[in-house]
Amino acid sequence: MVLIYIDNLIITGDNNAAITNLKRVLYQKFIIKNLGVLKYLLGIEIAPSHKKLFFNQRKYMLDLLH
């Protein structure tokens, strides 16, 4: 799965070989950089677990309360 938001791509899936191949193709066509494992997206914290992703806005709520 590829999620696109403006000039950002998030690539995810359960086939690591396919993800690696897609990244290789993108590197050949475009100037890109890999930012590593996704931790935040639009102010939402992303916490991976076994076969699941958990989304929370803890930091956003703490900032609001502060």
N, C-alpha and C. Protein backbone atom coordinates (compact mmCIF):
# COMPACT_ATOMS: atom_id res chain seq x y z
N MET A 1 0.85 -1.16 0.00
CA MET A 1 0.00 0.00 0.00
C MET A 1 0.90 1.24 0.00
N VAL A 2 0.55 2.18 -0.80
CA VAL A 2 1.27 3.46 -0.84
C VAL A 2 0.26 4.55 -0.52
N LEU A 3 0.54 5.30 0.53
CA LEU A 3 -0.30 6.43 0.91
C LEU A 3 0.46 7.70 0.52
N ILE A 4 -0.23 8.61 -0.13
CA ILE A 4 0.40 9.84 -0.61
C ILE A 4 -0.27 11.04 0.06
N TYR A 5 0.55 11.91 0.62
CA TYR A 5 0.07 13.18 1.18
C TYR A 5 1.02 14.28 0.73
N ILE A 6 0.58 15.11 -0.16
CA ILE A 6 1.34 16.19 -0.78
C ILE A 6 2.62 15.62 -1.38
N ASP A 7 3.78 15.82 -0.73
CA ASP A 7 5.03 15.31 -1.29
C ASP A 7 5.63 14.19 -0.44
N ASN A 8 4.80 13.54 0.34
CA ASN A 8 5.24 12.44 1.20
C ASN A 8 4.59 11.13 0.78
N LEU A 9 5.36 10.07 0.81
CA LEU A 9 4.84 8.73 0.53
C LEU A 9 5.04 7.88 1.77
N ILE A 10 4.05 7.11 2.09
CA ILE A 10 4.17 6.10 3.13
C ILE A 10 3.95 4.77 2.44
N ILE A 11 4.96 3.91 2.54
CA ILE A 11 4.90 2.61 1.89
C ILE A 11 4.79 1.55 2.98
N THR A 12 3.78 0.72 2.89
CA THR A 12 3.58 -0.31 3.90
C THR A 12 3.02 -1.57 3.25
N GLY A 13 3.13 -2.66 3.93
CA GLY A 13 2.60 -3.92 3.44
C GLY A 13 3.20 -5.09 4.19
N ASP A 14 2.77 -6.28 3.82
CA ASP A 14 3.28 -7.47 4.48
C ASP A 14 4.29 -8.24 3.64
N ASN A 15 4.72 -7.65 2.51
CA ASN A 15 5.69 -8.29 1.64
C ASN A 15 6.93 -7.40 1.57
N ASN A 16 7.93 -7.71 2.40
CA ASN A 16 9.13 -6.88 2.46
C ASN A 16 9.88 -6.82 1.13
N ALA A 17 9.88 -7.90 0.37
CA ALA A 17 10.56 -7.90 -0.92
C ALA A 17 9.90 -6.92 -1.89
N ALA A 18 8.58 -6.88 -1.89
CA ALA A 18 7.85 -5.95 -2.77
C ALA A 18 8.11 -4.51 -2.35
N ILE A 19 8.16 -4.25 -1.04
CA ILE A 19 8.44 -2.90 -0.55
C ILE A 19 9.84 -2.47 -0.97
N THR A 20 10.81 -3.36 -0.79
CA THR A 20 12.19 -3.06 -1.17
C THR A 20 12.29 -2.81 -2.66
N ASN A 21 11.61 -3.60 -3.47
CA ASN A 21 11.63 -3.42 -4.91
C ASN A 21 11.01 -2.08 -5.31
N LEU A 22 9.89 -1.73 -4.69
CA LEU A 22 9.25 -0.44 -4.99
C LEU A 22 10.19 0.72 -4.63
N LYS A 23 10.84 0.65 -3.49
CA LYS A 23 11.78 1.69 -3.10
C LYS A 23 12.92 1.80 -4.10
N ARG A 24 13.41 0.66 -4.57
CA ARG A 24 14.50 0.65 -5.56
C ARG A 24 14.07 1.37 -6.84
N VAL A 25 12.86 1.07 -7.30
CA VAL A 25 12.33 1.72 -8.51
C VAL A 25 12.20 3.23 -8.28
N LEU A 26 11.69 3.63 -7.14
CA LEU A 26 11.51 5.05 -6.85
C LEU A 26 12.85 5.77 -6.78
N TYR A 27 13.86 5.13 -6.16
CA TYR A 27 15.20 5.72 -6.09
C TYR A 27 15.78 5.95 -7.49
N GLN A 28 15.47 5.07 -8.43
CA GLN A 28 15.98 5.21 -9.80
C GLN A 28 15.30 6.34 -10.56
N LYS A 29 14.05 6.62 -10.22
CA LYS A 29 13.27 7.62 -10.97
C LYS A 29 13.28 9.01 -10.34
N PHE A 30 13.39 9.08 -9.01
CA PHE A 30 13.24 10.34 -8.30
C PHE A 30 14.34 10.53 -7.26
N ILE A 31 14.53 11.76 -6.86
CA ILE A 31 15.41 12.05 -5.73
C ILE A 31 14.56 11.91 -4.47
N ILE A 32 14.81 10.86 -3.72
CA ILE A 32 14.02 10.61 -2.52
C ILE A 32 14.94 10.24 -1.36
N LYS A 33 14.39 10.32 -0.16
CA LYS A 33 15.13 9.85 1.00
C LYS A 33 14.19 9.04 1.88
N ASN A 34 14.75 8.05 2.52
CA ASN A 34 14.00 7.17 3.40
C ASN A 34 14.11 7.71 4.82
N LEU A 35 13.01 8.06 5.43
CA LEU A 35 13.02 8.60 6.79
C LEU A 35 12.86 7.52 7.85
N GLY A 36 12.85 6.26 7.43
CA GLY A 36 12.79 5.17 8.39
C GLY A 36 11.38 4.82 8.79
N VAL A 37 11.27 4.21 9.95
CA VAL A 37 9.98 3.75 10.46
C VAL A 37 9.10 4.96 10.78
N LEU A 38 7.85 4.89 10.36
CA LEU A 38 6.89 5.96 10.59
C LEU A 38 6.56 6.08 12.07
N LYS A 39 6.71 7.29 12.61
CA LYS A 39 6.39 7.53 14.02
C LYS A 39 5.26 8.54 14.17
N TYR A 40 5.24 9.56 13.33
CA TYR A 40 4.19 10.58 13.38
C TYR A 40 3.71 10.89 11.97
N LEU A 41 2.43 11.15 11.85
CA LEU A 41 1.83 11.55 10.59
C LEU A 41 0.73 12.55 10.89
N LEU A 42 0.89 13.79 10.43
CA LEU A 42 -0.10 14.83 10.63
C LEU A 42 -0.48 14.99 12.11
N GLY A 43 0.52 14.88 12.98
CA GLY A 43 0.29 15.06 14.40
C GLY A 43 -0.25 13.83 15.11
N ILE A 44 -0.38 12.74 14.39
CA ILE A 44 -0.87 11.50 14.98
C ILE A 44 0.31 10.56 15.18
N GLU A 45 0.44 10.03 16.40
CA GLU A 45 1.51 9.09 16.68
C GLU A 45 1.11 7.71 16.14
N ILE A 46 2.06 7.06 15.47
CA ILE A 46 1.85 5.73 14.92
C ILE A 46 2.71 4.76 15.73
N ALA A 47 2.09 3.78 16.35
CA ALA A 47 2.82 2.79 17.16
C ALA A 47 2.59 1.40 16.57
N PRO A 48 3.61 0.82 15.95
CA PRO A 48 3.42 -0.51 15.37
C PRO A 48 3.41 -1.59 16.44
N SER A 49 2.63 -2.61 16.18
CA SER A 49 2.57 -3.79 17.01
C SER A 49 2.56 -4.98 16.05
N HIS A 50 2.56 -6.17 16.57
CA HIS A 50 2.56 -7.35 15.71
C HIS A 50 1.31 -7.37 14.83
N LYS A 51 1.51 -7.15 13.53
CA LYS A 51 0.45 -7.16 12.51
C LYS A 51 -0.60 -6.06 12.68
N LYS A 52 -0.33 -5.05 13.52
CA LYS A 52 -1.29 -3.97 13.71
C LYS A 52 -0.56 -2.64 13.83
N LEU A 53 -1.29 -1.57 13.56
CA LEU A 53 -0.81 -0.22 13.79
C LEU A 53 -1.78 0.46 14.74
N PHE A 54 -1.25 1.11 15.76
CA PHE A 54 -2.09 1.87 16.69
C PHE A 54 -1.85 3.35 16.45
N PHE A 55 -2.93 4.09 16.34
CA PHE A 55 -2.88 5.53 16.12
C PHE A 55 -3.38 6.22 17.38
N ASN A 56 -2.64 7.24 17.85
CA ASN A 56 -3.15 8.01 18.98
C ASN A 56 -2.71 9.46 18.86
N GLN A 57 -3.38 10.31 19.58
CA GLN A 57 -3.08 11.73 19.57
C GLN A 57 -2.67 12.21 20.96
N ARG A 58 -1.93 11.39 21.68
CA ARG A 58 -1.52 11.70 23.04
C ARG A 58 -0.75 13.02 23.10
N LYS A 59 0.24 13.18 22.22
CA LYS A 59 1.04 14.41 22.23
C LYS A 59 0.17 15.62 21.95
N TYR A 60 -0.74 15.51 21.01
CA TYR A 60 -1.65 16.61 20.67
C TYR A 60 -2.50 16.98 21.88
N MET A 61 -3.04 15.99 22.57
CA MET A 61 -3.87 16.25 23.75
C MET A 61 -3.04 16.88 24.88
N LEU A 62 -1.83 16.40 25.09
CA LEU A 62 -0.98 16.99 26.14
C LEU A 62 -0.66 18.44 25.81
N ASP A 63 -0.40 18.73 24.54
CA ASP A 63 -0.14 20.12 24.13
C ASP A 63 -1.36 21.00 24.37
N LEU A 64 -2.55 20.48 24.08
CA LEU A 64 -3.78 21.23 24.32
C LEU A 64 -3.98 21.52 25.81
N LEU A 65 -3.72 20.51 26.63
CA LEU A 65 -3.91 20.66 28.08
C LEU A 65 -2.88 21.62 28.68
N HIS A 66 -1.70 21.64 28.08
CA HIS A 66 -0.63 22.52 28.59
C HIS A 66 -1.03 23.97 28.35
